[in-house]
Amino acid sequence: MHIIAKTSLALVLAALSATAALADPVADHAAAIARDWAQIQYRTPAPQKLDAMTKLKAQADALAKAAPNRADALAWDGIVTSSLAGLKGGMGGLSLAKESRTTLERASKLDSGPAGGMAHTSLGALYYQVPGWPIGFGSKDKARAELTAGLKIAPRDIDANYFWGDFLFAQGQYAEAAKALRTALAAPPRPGREIADAGRRGDVQKLLAKVNAKLGA
């Protein structure tokens, strides 16, 4: 009886140790930032977005500082910073866009998996949304390169295909844009990111309607 009890206790302790070893506080914090970003992006009233995103950036900055070699932490810091840039606009927004670019570039070099793909896609979005020289660093060629790099890593991802479709739409490549957007609509759900998926799906549907109008569909 004592041998069985001791063996059972040993197994329980081993299981707890394994669980602790598998815990990843950086990933958990990055996932929380992702959820908060989606809440601000898609559920927060417009007058409150700037303040909410500013507060979230402080959290994302702190995580990136604490985990400077983690692509997921850096990618979300870059995404939040980019979103804040869009909300601020003007020269303040451009300064934040440059900060976001630097952070996303670091993230893209650290990982060749999902976090790296997310960083490439976000970089691509920056490059075609920011004005070009002499005002900003925008570049259609760099945008295309980064967006396709993101697609290569995650060919079915809703964000990767949405931004690729948005870029193609801006270039007047409507048939190709429609294909990318239909792929985005067929993207598999992302567990824990239901708000982001629903919001992005709405973005895709709005853009696809514009594309179809250009195609006469």
N, C-alpha and C. Protein backbone atom coordinates (compact mmCIF):
# COMPACT_ATOMS: atom_id res chain seq x y z
N MET A 1 0.83 -1.21 0.00
CA MET A 1 0.00 0.00 0.00
C MET A 1 0.86 1.26 0.00
N HIS A 2 1.89 1.24 0.84
CA HIS A 2 2.76 2.41 0.92
C HIS A 2 3.52 2.61 -0.38
N ILE A 3 3.92 1.49 -0.99
CA ILE A 3 4.66 1.59 -2.26
C ILE A 3 3.78 2.21 -3.34
N ILE A 4 2.50 1.76 -3.38
CA ILE A 4 1.57 2.30 -4.38
C ILE A 4 1.35 3.79 -4.15
N ALA A 5 1.16 4.16 -2.85
CA ALA A 5 0.91 5.56 -2.52
C ALA A 5 2.10 6.43 -2.92
N LYS A 6 3.30 5.94 -2.61
CA LYS A 6 4.50 6.70 -2.96
C LYS A 6 4.65 6.81 -4.47
N THR A 7 4.33 5.72 -5.18
CA THR A 7 4.42 5.75 -6.64
C THR A 7 3.43 6.73 -7.23
N SER A 8 2.19 6.73 -6.68
CA SER A 8 1.16 7.64 -7.17
C SER A 8 1.57 9.09 -6.94
N LEU A 9 2.13 9.36 -5.74
CA LEU A 9 2.56 10.71 -5.44
C LEU A 9 3.68 11.15 -6.39
N ALA A 10 4.58 10.22 -6.67
CA ALA A 10 5.67 10.54 -7.59
C ALA A 10 5.14 10.88 -8.97
N LEU A 11 4.13 10.14 -9.41
CA LEU A 11 3.54 10.41 -10.73
C LEU A 11 2.85 11.77 -10.76
N VAL A 12 2.16 12.10 -9.67
CA VAL A 12 1.48 13.39 -9.60
C VAL A 12 2.49 14.53 -9.64
N LEU A 13 3.58 14.38 -8.85
CA LEU A 13 4.61 15.41 -8.82
C LEU A 13 5.28 15.56 -10.18
N ALA A 14 5.49 14.41 -10.84
CA ALA A 14 6.10 14.46 -12.17
C ALA A 14 5.18 15.18 -13.16
N ALA A 15 3.88 14.90 -13.05
CA ALA A 15 2.92 15.55 -13.94
C ALA A 15 2.87 17.05 -13.71
N LEU A 16 2.90 17.45 -12.42
CA LEU A 16 2.88 18.87 -12.10
C LEU A 16 4.14 19.57 -12.61
N SER A 17 5.28 18.88 -12.49
CA SER A 17 6.53 19.45 -12.98
C SER A 17 6.49 19.63 -14.49
N ALA A 18 5.93 18.63 -15.17
CA ALA A 18 5.82 18.73 -16.63
C ALA A 18 4.90 19.87 -17.04
N THR A 19 3.80 20.04 -16.29
CA THR A 19 2.87 21.13 -16.59
C THR A 19 3.54 22.48 -16.41
N ALA A 20 4.32 22.59 -15.31
CA ALA A 20 5.02 23.84 -15.05
C ALA A 20 6.04 24.13 -16.15
N ALA A 21 6.69 23.06 -16.61
CA ALA A 21 7.70 23.23 -17.66
C ALA A 21 7.07 23.68 -18.96
N LEU A 22 5.83 23.25 -19.20
CA LEU A 22 5.15 23.60 -20.44
C LEU A 22 4.54 25.00 -20.39
N ALA A 23 4.37 25.55 -19.18
CA ALA A 23 3.79 26.88 -19.05
C ALA A 23 4.67 27.90 -19.76
N ASP A 24 4.02 28.83 -20.44
CA ASP A 24 4.76 29.85 -21.20
C ASP A 24 4.12 31.20 -20.93
N PRO A 25 4.58 31.90 -19.90
CA PRO A 25 3.97 33.18 -19.55
C PRO A 25 4.08 34.23 -20.65
N VAL A 26 5.15 34.17 -21.45
CA VAL A 26 5.29 35.14 -22.54
C VAL A 26 4.19 34.91 -23.58
N ALA A 27 3.97 33.64 -23.95
CA ALA A 27 2.92 33.33 -24.91
C ALA A 27 1.55 33.70 -24.36
N ASP A 28 1.34 33.45 -23.07
CA ASP A 28 0.06 33.80 -22.45
C ASP A 28 -0.17 35.31 -22.48
N HIS A 29 0.88 36.07 -22.18
CA HIS A 29 0.76 37.52 -22.18
C HIS A 29 0.54 38.05 -23.60
N ALA A 30 1.25 37.47 -24.58
CA ALA A 30 1.07 37.88 -25.97
C ALA A 30 -0.35 37.59 -26.43
N ALA A 31 -0.89 36.44 -26.01
CA ALA A 31 -2.26 36.08 -26.38
C ALA A 31 -3.26 37.05 -25.76
N ALA A 32 -2.99 37.50 -24.53
CA ALA A 32 -3.87 38.46 -23.87
C ALA A 32 -3.83 39.80 -24.61
N ILE A 33 -2.64 40.21 -25.04
CA ILE A 33 -2.52 41.45 -25.82
C ILE A 33 -3.28 41.32 -27.14
N ALA A 34 -3.19 40.15 -27.77
CA ALA A 34 -3.91 39.91 -29.02
C ALA A 34 -5.42 40.05 -28.81
N ARG A 35 -5.91 39.50 -27.71
CA ARG A 35 -7.36 39.59 -27.41
C ARG A 35 -7.76 41.05 -27.15
N ASP A 36 -6.94 41.76 -26.38
CA ASP A 36 -7.25 43.16 -26.08
C ASP A 36 -7.19 44.01 -27.35
N TRP A 37 -6.20 43.71 -28.21
CA TRP A 37 -6.12 44.44 -29.48
C TRP A 37 -7.40 44.29 -30.30
N ALA A 38 -7.89 43.05 -30.38
CA ALA A 38 -9.12 42.79 -31.14
C ALA A 38 -10.31 43.53 -30.52
N GLN A 39 -10.36 43.54 -29.20
CA GLN A 39 -11.46 44.22 -28.52
C GLN A 39 -11.44 45.71 -28.85
N ILE A 40 -10.24 46.31 -28.84
CA ILE A 40 -10.13 47.73 -29.16
C ILE A 40 -10.43 47.98 -30.64
N GLN A 41 -9.86 47.15 -31.49
CA GLN A 41 -10.00 47.33 -32.94
C GLN A 41 -11.44 47.19 -33.41
N TYR A 42 -12.16 46.24 -32.85
CA TYR A 42 -13.47 45.91 -33.40
C TYR A 42 -14.66 46.16 -32.48
N ARG A 43 -14.44 46.37 -31.20
CA ARG A 43 -15.57 46.50 -30.28
C ARG A 43 -15.59 47.82 -29.50
N THR A 44 -14.49 48.56 -29.54
CA THR A 44 -14.41 49.79 -28.76
C THR A 44 -14.90 50.99 -29.57
N PRO A 45 -15.75 51.84 -28.99
CA PRO A 45 -16.22 53.03 -29.71
C PRO A 45 -15.06 53.90 -30.16
N ALA A 46 -15.19 54.50 -31.34
CA ALA A 46 -14.12 55.28 -31.95
C ALA A 46 -13.50 56.34 -31.02
N PRO A 47 -14.31 57.10 -30.26
CA PRO A 47 -13.71 58.13 -29.40
C PRO A 47 -12.80 57.58 -28.30
N GLN A 48 -12.96 56.30 -27.98
CA GLN A 48 -12.18 55.69 -26.89
C GLN A 48 -10.98 54.89 -27.39
N LYS A 49 -10.87 54.72 -28.70
CA LYS A 49 -9.84 53.82 -29.24
C LYS A 49 -8.43 54.32 -28.99
N LEU A 50 -8.18 55.59 -29.19
CA LEU A 50 -6.83 56.12 -29.06
C LEU A 50 -6.28 55.90 -27.65
N ASP A 51 -7.07 56.23 -26.65
CA ASP A 51 -6.63 56.06 -25.27
C ASP A 51 -6.42 54.58 -24.94
N ALA A 52 -7.34 53.74 -25.40
CA ALA A 52 -7.23 52.30 -25.12
C ALA A 52 -6.01 51.70 -25.79
N MET A 53 -5.74 52.08 -27.05
CA MET A 53 -4.59 51.52 -27.76
C MET A 53 -3.29 52.06 -27.18
N THR A 54 -3.29 53.29 -26.69
CA THR A 54 -2.10 53.85 -26.06
C THR A 54 -1.74 53.05 -24.81
N LYS A 55 -2.74 52.71 -24.02
CA LYS A 55 -2.51 51.91 -22.81
C LYS A 55 -2.04 50.50 -23.17
N LEU A 56 -2.60 49.94 -24.23
CA LEU A 56 -2.19 48.59 -24.64
C LEU A 56 -0.75 48.61 -25.15
N LYS A 57 -0.36 49.69 -25.80
CA LYS A 57 1.03 49.78 -26.28
C LYS A 57 2.01 49.73 -25.11
N ALA A 58 1.67 50.35 -24.00
CA ALA A 58 2.55 50.31 -22.83
C ALA A 58 2.75 48.88 -22.36
N GLN A 59 1.68 48.10 -22.40
CA GLN A 59 1.78 46.69 -22.01
C GLN A 59 2.62 45.90 -23.02
N ALA A 60 2.37 46.16 -24.30
CA ALA A 60 3.11 45.44 -25.35
C ALA A 60 4.59 45.80 -25.33
N ASP A 61 4.89 47.07 -25.08
CA ASP A 61 6.29 47.51 -24.96
C ASP A 61 6.98 46.78 -23.81
N ALA A 62 6.28 46.68 -22.69
CA ALA A 62 6.86 46.04 -21.51
C ALA A 62 7.14 44.56 -21.79
N LEU A 63 6.24 43.90 -22.49
CA LEU A 63 6.45 42.48 -22.81
C LEU A 63 7.63 42.33 -23.75
N ALA A 64 7.72 43.17 -24.77
CA ALA A 64 8.83 43.10 -25.71
C ALA A 64 10.16 43.37 -25.02
N LYS A 65 10.16 44.27 -24.07
CA LYS A 65 11.38 44.57 -23.32
C LYS A 65 11.78 43.39 -22.44
N ALA A 66 10.78 42.72 -21.86
CA ALA A 66 11.05 41.58 -20.99
C ALA A 66 11.46 40.33 -21.77
N ALA A 67 11.00 40.24 -23.02
CA ALA A 67 11.29 39.06 -23.84
C ALA A 67 11.79 39.50 -25.21
N PRO A 68 12.98 40.11 -25.28
CA PRO A 68 13.47 40.71 -26.53
C PRO A 68 13.81 39.69 -27.62
N ASN A 69 13.90 38.43 -27.26
CA ASN A 69 14.21 37.40 -28.25
C ASN A 69 13.02 36.52 -28.60
N ARG A 70 11.83 36.99 -28.23
CA ARG A 70 10.62 36.24 -28.55
C ARG A 70 9.86 36.93 -29.67
N ALA A 71 9.71 36.22 -30.78
CA ALA A 71 9.05 36.81 -31.95
C ALA A 71 7.60 37.16 -31.67
N ASP A 72 6.90 36.34 -30.88
CA ASP A 72 5.50 36.62 -30.61
C ASP A 72 5.33 37.92 -29.83
N ALA A 73 6.21 38.15 -28.84
CA ALA A 73 6.15 39.39 -28.07
C ALA A 73 6.45 40.60 -28.96
N LEU A 74 7.48 40.48 -29.78
CA LEU A 74 7.85 41.60 -30.66
C LEU A 74 6.79 41.85 -31.74
N ALA A 75 6.24 40.76 -32.28
CA ALA A 75 5.23 40.92 -33.34
C ALA A 75 4.01 41.68 -32.82
N TRP A 76 3.56 41.31 -31.62
CA TRP A 76 2.38 42.01 -31.10
C TRP A 76 2.70 43.43 -30.68
N ASP A 77 3.91 43.67 -30.21
CA ASP A 77 4.31 45.05 -29.92
C ASP A 77 4.29 45.87 -31.21
N GLY A 78 4.79 45.28 -32.29
CA GLY A 78 4.78 45.97 -33.57
C GLY A 78 3.38 46.22 -34.09
N ILE A 79 2.50 45.24 -33.94
CA ILE A 79 1.13 45.39 -34.43
C ILE A 79 0.37 46.46 -33.65
N VAL A 80 0.50 46.43 -32.34
CA VAL A 80 -0.17 47.44 -31.52
C VAL A 80 0.37 48.84 -31.84
N THR A 81 1.68 48.95 -32.00
CA THR A 81 2.29 50.24 -32.33
C THR A 81 1.81 50.73 -33.69
N SER A 82 1.70 49.83 -34.66
CA SER A 82 1.20 50.19 -35.98
C SER A 82 -0.25 50.66 -35.92
N SER A 83 -1.06 49.97 -35.13
CA SER A 83 -2.47 50.36 -34.99
C SER A 83 -2.58 51.74 -34.34
N LEU A 84 -1.73 51.99 -33.34
CA LEU A 84 -1.74 53.31 -32.70
C LEU A 84 -1.30 54.38 -33.69
N ALA A 85 -0.33 54.05 -34.55
CA ALA A 85 0.11 55.00 -35.58
C ALA A 85 -1.06 55.40 -36.47
N GLY A 86 -1.86 54.41 -36.86
CA GLY A 86 -3.01 54.70 -37.70
C GLY A 86 -4.04 55.57 -37.01
N LEU A 87 -4.21 55.38 -35.72
CA LEU A 87 -5.18 56.17 -34.96
C LEU A 87 -4.69 57.61 -34.76
N LYS A 88 -3.39 57.76 -34.58
CA LYS A 88 -2.83 59.11 -34.35
C LYS A 88 -2.73 59.91 -35.64
N GLY A 89 -2.20 59.30 -36.68
CA GLY A 89 -2.01 60.01 -37.93
C GLY A 89 -0.95 61.10 -37.81
N GLY A 90 -0.73 61.81 -38.89
CA GLY A 90 0.21 62.91 -38.90
C GLY A 90 1.64 62.47 -38.63
N MET A 91 2.49 63.41 -38.21
CA MET A 91 3.89 63.10 -37.98
C MET A 91 4.07 62.19 -36.77
N GLY A 92 3.19 62.34 -35.78
CA GLY A 92 3.25 61.44 -34.63
C GLY A 92 2.97 60.02 -35.05
N GLY A 93 2.03 59.86 -35.94
CA GLY A 93 1.71 58.53 -36.46
C GLY A 93 2.85 57.96 -37.27
N LEU A 94 3.52 58.80 -38.05
CA LEU A 94 4.65 58.35 -38.87
C LEU A 94 5.80 57.88 -37.99
N SER A 95 6.05 58.60 -36.90
CA SER A 95 7.10 58.21 -35.97
C SER A 95 6.80 56.84 -35.37
N LEU A 96 5.54 56.60 -35.01
CA LEU A 96 5.14 55.31 -34.47
C LEU A 96 5.24 54.22 -35.54
N ALA A 97 4.92 54.56 -36.78
CA ALA A 97 5.03 53.59 -37.88
C ALA A 97 6.47 53.15 -38.06
N LYS A 98 7.41 54.08 -37.94
CA LYS A 98 8.84 53.74 -38.05
C LYS A 98 9.26 52.83 -36.90
N GLU A 99 8.75 53.13 -35.70
CA GLU A 99 9.04 52.28 -34.54
C GLU A 99 8.49 50.88 -34.76
N SER A 100 7.27 50.81 -35.29
CA SER A 100 6.65 49.52 -35.57
C SER A 100 7.46 48.73 -36.58
N ARG A 101 7.93 49.40 -37.63
CA ARG A 101 8.72 48.73 -38.66
C ARG A 101 9.96 48.07 -38.05
N THR A 102 10.66 48.80 -37.20
CA THR A 102 11.88 48.27 -36.57
C THR A 102 11.56 47.04 -35.73
N THR A 103 10.49 47.11 -34.97
CA THR A 103 10.11 45.99 -34.09
C THR A 103 9.68 44.78 -34.91
N LEU A 104 8.90 45.00 -35.95
CA LEU A 104 8.44 43.90 -36.78
C LEU A 104 9.59 43.25 -37.56
N GLU A 105 10.54 44.06 -37.98
CA GLU A 105 11.71 43.50 -38.67
C GLU A 105 12.47 42.55 -37.74
N ARG A 106 12.62 42.95 -36.49
CA ARG A 106 13.30 42.09 -35.51
C ARG A 106 12.52 40.79 -35.33
N ALA A 107 11.20 40.90 -35.22
CA ALA A 107 10.37 39.71 -35.03
C ALA A 107 10.47 38.77 -36.22
N SER A 108 10.47 39.31 -37.42
CA SER A 108 10.49 38.48 -38.63
C SER A 108 11.79 37.70 -38.76
N LYS A 109 12.87 38.23 -38.18
CA LYS A 109 14.17 37.56 -38.26
C LYS A 109 14.35 36.50 -37.18
N LEU A 110 13.50 36.55 -36.16
CA LEU A 110 13.63 35.62 -35.03
C LEU A 110 12.88 34.31 -35.24
N ASP A 111 11.91 34.31 -36.15
CA ASP A 111 11.02 33.15 -36.25
C ASP A 111 10.60 32.91 -37.69
N SER A 112 10.56 31.63 -38.09
CA SER A 112 10.09 31.28 -39.43
C SER A 112 8.72 30.61 -39.37
N GLY A 113 8.09 30.67 -38.20
CA GLY A 113 6.77 30.07 -38.01
C GLY A 113 5.68 31.12 -37.97
N PRO A 114 4.58 30.83 -37.27
CA PRO A 114 3.43 31.74 -37.26
C PRO A 114 3.74 33.17 -36.82
N ALA A 115 4.55 33.33 -35.76
CA ALA A 115 4.87 34.68 -35.31
C ALA A 115 5.66 35.44 -36.36
N GLY A 116 6.59 34.76 -37.01
CA GLY A 116 7.35 35.39 -38.08
C GLY A 116 6.46 35.74 -39.25
N GLY A 117 5.54 34.86 -39.59
CA GLY A 117 4.61 35.14 -40.67
C GLY A 117 3.74 36.35 -40.38
N MET A 118 3.28 36.43 -39.13
CA MET A 118 2.48 37.58 -38.70
C MET A 118 3.28 38.87 -38.82
N ALA A 119 4.57 38.80 -38.46
CA ALA A 119 5.42 39.99 -38.56
C ALA A 119 5.62 40.40 -40.02
N HIS A 120 5.87 39.43 -40.91
CA HIS A 120 6.02 39.75 -42.33
C HIS A 120 4.76 40.40 -42.88
N THR A 121 3.61 39.84 -42.56
CA THR A 121 2.34 40.38 -43.06
C THR A 121 2.13 41.81 -42.56
N SER A 122 2.40 42.04 -41.29
CA SER A 122 2.21 43.38 -40.72
C SER A 122 3.19 44.37 -41.31
N LEU A 123 4.42 43.91 -41.58
CA LEU A 123 5.39 44.77 -42.25
C LEU A 123 4.91 45.14 -43.65
N GLY A 124 4.40 44.15 -44.36
CA GLY A 124 3.89 44.41 -45.70
C GLY A 124 2.79 45.45 -45.69
N ALA A 125 1.89 45.33 -44.70
CA ALA A 125 0.80 46.29 -44.58
C ALA A 125 1.34 47.70 -44.33
N LEU A 126 2.35 47.79 -43.49
CA LEU A 126 2.97 49.09 -43.24
C LEU A 126 3.54 49.69 -44.52
N TYR A 127 4.25 48.88 -45.28
CA TYR A 127 4.93 49.39 -46.46
C TYR A 127 3.98 49.93 -47.53
N TYR A 128 2.76 49.38 -47.63
CA TYR A 128 1.88 49.94 -48.65
C TYR A 128 0.91 50.98 -48.08
N GLN A 129 0.80 51.07 -46.77
CA GLN A 129 -0.11 52.06 -46.17
C GLN A 129 0.59 53.38 -45.82
N VAL A 130 1.89 53.30 -45.55
CA VAL A 130 2.65 54.50 -45.20
C VAL A 130 3.06 55.23 -46.49
N PRO A 131 3.02 56.56 -46.49
CA PRO A 131 3.45 57.31 -47.68
C PRO A 131 4.90 57.00 -48.05
N GLY A 132 5.21 57.12 -49.32
CA GLY A 132 6.58 56.90 -49.77
C GLY A 132 7.45 58.13 -49.58
N TRP A 133 8.69 58.02 -50.08
CA TRP A 133 9.64 59.13 -50.00
C TRP A 133 9.08 60.34 -50.75
N PRO A 134 9.25 61.58 -50.26
CA PRO A 134 10.14 61.99 -49.16
C PRO A 134 9.44 62.08 -47.81
N ILE A 135 8.16 61.73 -47.74
CA ILE A 135 7.44 61.85 -46.47
C ILE A 135 7.71 60.66 -45.56
N GLY A 136 7.54 59.45 -46.12
CA GLY A 136 7.67 58.26 -45.30
C GLY A 136 8.53 57.20 -45.96
N PHE A 137 8.36 55.96 -45.50
CA PHE A 137 9.20 54.86 -45.99
C PHE A 137 8.41 53.86 -46.84
N GLY A 138 7.20 54.25 -47.25
CA GLY A 138 6.37 53.34 -48.02
C GLY A 138 7.05 52.85 -49.29
N SER A 139 6.75 51.59 -49.65
CA SER A 139 7.36 50.98 -50.84
C SER A 139 6.49 49.84 -51.33
N LYS A 140 6.01 49.94 -52.56
CA LYS A 140 5.18 48.86 -53.12
C LYS A 140 5.99 47.57 -53.26
N ASP A 141 7.24 47.69 -53.67
CA ASP A 141 8.08 46.50 -53.85
C ASP A 141 8.32 45.79 -52.53
N LYS A 142 8.63 46.56 -51.48
CA LYS A 142 8.85 45.94 -50.17
C LYS A 142 7.55 45.38 -49.61
N ALA A 143 6.46 46.05 -49.88
CA ALA A 143 5.16 45.55 -49.42
C ALA A 143 4.87 44.19 -50.05
N ARG A 144 5.07 44.10 -51.35
CA ARG A 144 4.82 42.83 -52.05
C ARG A 144 5.72 41.72 -51.49
N ALA A 145 6.99 42.04 -51.27
CA ALA A 145 7.93 41.03 -50.76
C ALA A 145 7.54 40.54 -49.37
N GLU A 146 7.17 41.46 -48.49
CA GLU A 146 6.81 41.07 -47.13
C GLU A 146 5.47 40.33 -47.08
N LEU A 147 4.52 40.78 -47.85
CA LEU A 147 3.21 40.12 -47.87
C LEU A 147 3.31 38.70 -48.42
N THR A 148 4.09 38.51 -49.46
CA THR A 148 4.25 37.17 -50.01
C THR A 148 5.05 36.28 -49.06
N ALA A 149 5.97 36.87 -48.30
CA ALA A 149 6.71 36.10 -47.30
C ALA A 149 5.75 35.61 -46.22
N GLY A 150 4.82 36.46 -45.81
CA GLY A 150 3.82 36.06 -44.83
C GLY A 150 2.92 34.96 -45.35
N LEU A 151 2.53 35.07 -46.61
CA LEU A 151 1.67 34.06 -47.23
C LEU A 151 2.38 32.72 -47.38
N LYS A 152 3.67 32.77 -47.64
CA LYS A 152 4.44 31.53 -47.77
C LYS A 152 4.44 30.74 -46.47
N ILE A 153 4.48 31.45 -45.35
CA ILE A 153 4.46 30.80 -44.04
C ILE A 153 3.06 30.34 -43.67
N ALA A 154 2.06 31.17 -43.97
CA ALA A 154 0.67 30.86 -43.58
C ALA A 154 -0.26 31.12 -44.75
N PRO A 155 -0.28 30.22 -45.74
CA PRO A 155 -1.04 30.46 -46.97
C PRO A 155 -2.56 30.54 -46.80
N ARG A 156 -3.09 30.02 -45.69
CA ARG A 156 -4.54 30.05 -45.48
C ARG A 156 -4.96 31.06 -44.42
N ASP A 157 -4.02 31.80 -43.88
CA ASP A 157 -4.31 32.72 -42.79
C ASP A 157 -5.22 33.86 -43.24
N ILE A 158 -6.19 34.22 -42.41
CA ILE A 158 -7.16 35.24 -42.79
C ILE A 158 -6.51 36.61 -42.93
N ASP A 159 -5.59 36.96 -42.02
CA ASP A 159 -4.93 38.27 -42.09
C ASP A 159 -4.00 38.35 -43.29
N ALA A 160 -3.19 37.30 -43.49
CA ALA A 160 -2.25 37.30 -44.61
C ALA A 160 -2.97 37.48 -45.93
N ASN A 161 -4.09 36.81 -46.10
CA ASN A 161 -4.84 36.90 -47.35
C ASN A 161 -5.62 38.20 -47.47
N TYR A 162 -6.12 38.72 -46.34
CA TYR A 162 -6.82 40.00 -46.39
C TYR A 162 -5.89 41.12 -46.84
N PHE A 163 -4.72 41.21 -46.20
CA PHE A 163 -3.80 42.30 -46.55
C PHE A 163 -3.24 42.14 -47.96
N TRP A 164 -3.04 40.90 -48.38
CA TRP A 164 -2.61 40.66 -49.75
C TRP A 164 -3.69 41.12 -50.72
N GLY A 165 -4.94 40.80 -50.40
CA GLY A 165 -6.05 41.23 -51.24
C GLY A 165 -6.20 42.74 -51.26
N ASP A 166 -6.00 43.37 -50.10
CA ASP A 166 -6.11 44.82 -50.02
C ASP A 166 -5.00 45.49 -50.84
N PHE A 167 -3.80 44.93 -50.77
CA PHE A 167 -2.68 45.45 -51.56
C PHE A 167 -2.97 45.32 -53.05
N LEU A 168 -3.44 44.15 -53.47
CA LEU A 168 -3.73 43.93 -54.88
C LEU A 168 -4.85 44.84 -55.37
N PHE A 169 -5.84 45.08 -54.53
CA PHE A 169 -6.92 45.99 -54.87
C PHE A 169 -6.37 47.40 -55.13
N ALA A 170 -5.46 47.83 -54.25
CA ALA A 170 -4.86 49.16 -54.41
C ALA A 170 -4.04 49.27 -55.69
N GLN A 171 -3.52 48.12 -56.17
CA GLN A 171 -2.74 48.10 -57.42
C GLN A 171 -3.62 47.92 -58.65
N GLY A 172 -4.92 47.79 -58.44
CA GLY A 172 -5.82 47.59 -59.56
C GLY A 172 -5.87 46.17 -60.08
N GLN A 173 -5.33 45.22 -59.33
CA GLN A 173 -5.34 43.81 -59.73
C GLN A 173 -6.57 43.14 -59.10
N TYR A 174 -7.73 43.45 -59.65
CA TYR A 174 -8.99 43.09 -59.01
C TYR A 174 -9.28 41.59 -59.00
N ALA A 175 -8.98 40.90 -60.07
CA ALA A 175 -9.25 39.46 -60.11
C ALA A 175 -8.39 38.72 -59.07
N GLU A 176 -7.12 39.12 -59.00
CA GLU A 176 -6.22 38.49 -58.03
C GLU A 176 -6.64 38.85 -56.60
N ALA A 177 -7.12 40.08 -56.42
CA ALA A 177 -7.57 40.50 -55.10
C ALA A 177 -8.78 39.68 -54.67
N ALA A 178 -9.71 39.46 -55.59
CA ALA A 178 -10.90 38.67 -55.26
C ALA A 178 -10.53 37.26 -54.84
N LYS A 179 -9.56 36.68 -55.51
CA LYS A 179 -9.11 35.32 -55.17
C LYS A 179 -8.53 35.29 -53.76
N ALA A 180 -7.71 36.26 -53.43
CA ALA A 180 -7.11 36.32 -52.10
C ALA A 180 -8.17 36.51 -51.02
N LEU A 181 -9.15 37.35 -51.30
CA LEU A 181 -10.19 37.61 -50.31
C LEU A 181 -11.11 36.41 -50.11
N ARG A 182 -11.36 35.67 -51.16
CA ARG A 182 -12.16 34.44 -51.00
C ARG A 182 -11.40 33.41 -50.17
N THR A 183 -10.09 33.37 -50.35
CA THR A 183 -9.26 32.49 -49.53
C THR A 183 -9.32 32.92 -48.07
N ALA A 184 -9.33 34.22 -47.84
CA ALA A 184 -9.42 34.75 -46.48
C ALA A 184 -10.73 34.34 -45.82
N LEU A 185 -11.81 34.41 -46.57
CA LEU A 185 -13.12 34.03 -46.02
C LEU A 185 -13.19 32.54 -45.67
N ALA A 186 -12.40 31.74 -46.35
CA ALA A 186 -12.39 30.30 -46.11
C ALA A 186 -11.35 29.89 -45.06
N ALA A 187 -10.68 30.88 -44.44
CA ALA A 187 -9.62 30.58 -43.48
C ALA A 187 -10.16 29.84 -42.27
N PRO A 188 -9.40 28.90 -41.72
CA PRO A 188 -9.85 28.17 -40.53
C PRO A 188 -9.90 29.10 -39.32
N PRO A 189 -10.82 28.85 -38.39
CA PRO A 189 -10.92 29.69 -37.19
C PRO A 189 -9.66 29.57 -36.33
N ARG A 190 -9.37 30.63 -35.61
CA ARG A 190 -8.20 30.65 -34.73
C ARG A 190 -8.69 30.60 -33.28
N PRO A 191 -8.46 29.50 -32.59
CA PRO A 191 -8.93 29.37 -31.20
C PRO A 191 -8.43 30.51 -30.32
N GLY A 192 -9.33 31.10 -29.58
CA GLY A 192 -8.98 32.20 -28.70
C GLY A 192 -8.99 33.55 -29.37
N ARG A 193 -9.22 33.56 -30.68
CA ARG A 193 -9.19 34.83 -31.41
C ARG A 193 -10.50 35.06 -32.16
N GLU A 194 -11.59 34.70 -31.48
CA GLU A 194 -12.91 34.77 -32.11
C GLU A 194 -13.30 36.20 -32.50
N ILE A 195 -13.00 37.17 -31.63
CA ILE A 195 -13.35 38.56 -31.93
C ILE A 195 -12.55 39.05 -33.14
N ALA A 196 -11.26 38.73 -33.17
CA ALA A 196 -10.43 39.13 -34.30
C ALA A 196 -10.91 38.48 -35.59
N ASP A 197 -11.27 37.20 -35.53
CA ASP A 197 -11.74 36.51 -36.73
C ASP A 197 -13.03 37.14 -37.26
N ALA A 198 -13.96 37.43 -36.34
CA ALA A 198 -15.24 38.03 -36.77
C ALA A 198 -15.01 39.42 -37.36
N GLY A 199 -14.17 40.20 -36.70
CA GLY A 199 -13.89 41.54 -37.20
C GLY A 199 -13.19 41.54 -38.54
N ARG A 200 -12.20 40.67 -38.67
CA ARG A 200 -11.47 40.61 -39.94
C ARG A 200 -12.36 40.09 -41.06
N ARG A 201 -13.23 39.14 -40.72
CA ARG A 201 -14.15 38.63 -41.74
C ARG A 201 -15.03 39.77 -42.27
N GLY A 202 -15.44 40.67 -41.37
CA GLY A 202 -16.21 41.82 -41.80
C GLY A 202 -15.40 42.73 -42.72
N ASP A 203 -14.12 42.92 -42.38
CA ASP A 203 -13.23 43.71 -43.25
C ASP A 203 -13.15 43.09 -44.64
N VAL A 204 -12.99 41.77 -44.66
CA VAL A 204 -12.85 41.05 -45.93
C VAL A 204 -14.12 41.21 -46.77
N GLN A 205 -15.26 41.06 -46.15
CA GLN A 205 -16.52 41.14 -46.89
C GLN A 205 -16.74 42.53 -47.48
N LYS A 206 -16.38 43.57 -46.72
CA LYS A 206 -16.53 44.94 -47.22
C LYS A 206 -15.61 45.18 -48.42
N LEU A 207 -14.38 44.71 -48.30
CA LEU A 207 -13.43 44.91 -49.40
C LEU A 207 -13.82 44.07 -50.61
N LEU A 208 -14.29 42.86 -50.38
CA LEU A 208 -14.69 42.01 -51.50
C LEU A 208 -15.85 42.63 -52.27
N ALA A 209 -16.75 43.31 -51.56
CA ALA A 209 -17.85 43.99 -52.24
C ALA A 209 -17.31 45.07 -53.18
N LYS A 210 -16.28 45.80 -52.74
CA LYS A 210 -15.67 46.83 -53.60
C LYS A 210 -14.97 46.19 -54.80
N VAL A 211 -14.30 45.08 -54.55
CA VAL A 211 -13.60 44.38 -55.64
C VAL A 211 -14.61 43.88 -56.68
N ASN A 212 -15.68 43.27 -56.20
CA ASN A 212 -16.70 42.75 -57.11
C ASN A 212 -17.35 43.86 -57.93
N ALA A 213 -17.50 45.03 -57.32
CA ALA A 213 -18.06 46.18 -58.04
C ALA A 213 -17.14 46.58 -59.18
N LYS A 214 -15.81 46.53 -58.93
CA LYS A 214 -14.85 46.84 -59.99
C LYS A 214 -14.88 45.79 -61.09
N LEU A 215 -15.14 44.56 -60.71
CA LEU A 215 -15.18 43.47 -61.69
C LEU A 215 -16.53 43.35 -62.40
N GLY A 216 -17.50 44.14 -61.87
CA GLY A 216 -18.83 44.06 -62.46
C GLY A 216 -19.58 42.81 -62.08
N ALA A 217 -19.15 42.18 -60.96
CA ALA A 217 -19.78 40.93 -60.52
C ALA A 217 -21.04 41.21 -59.72
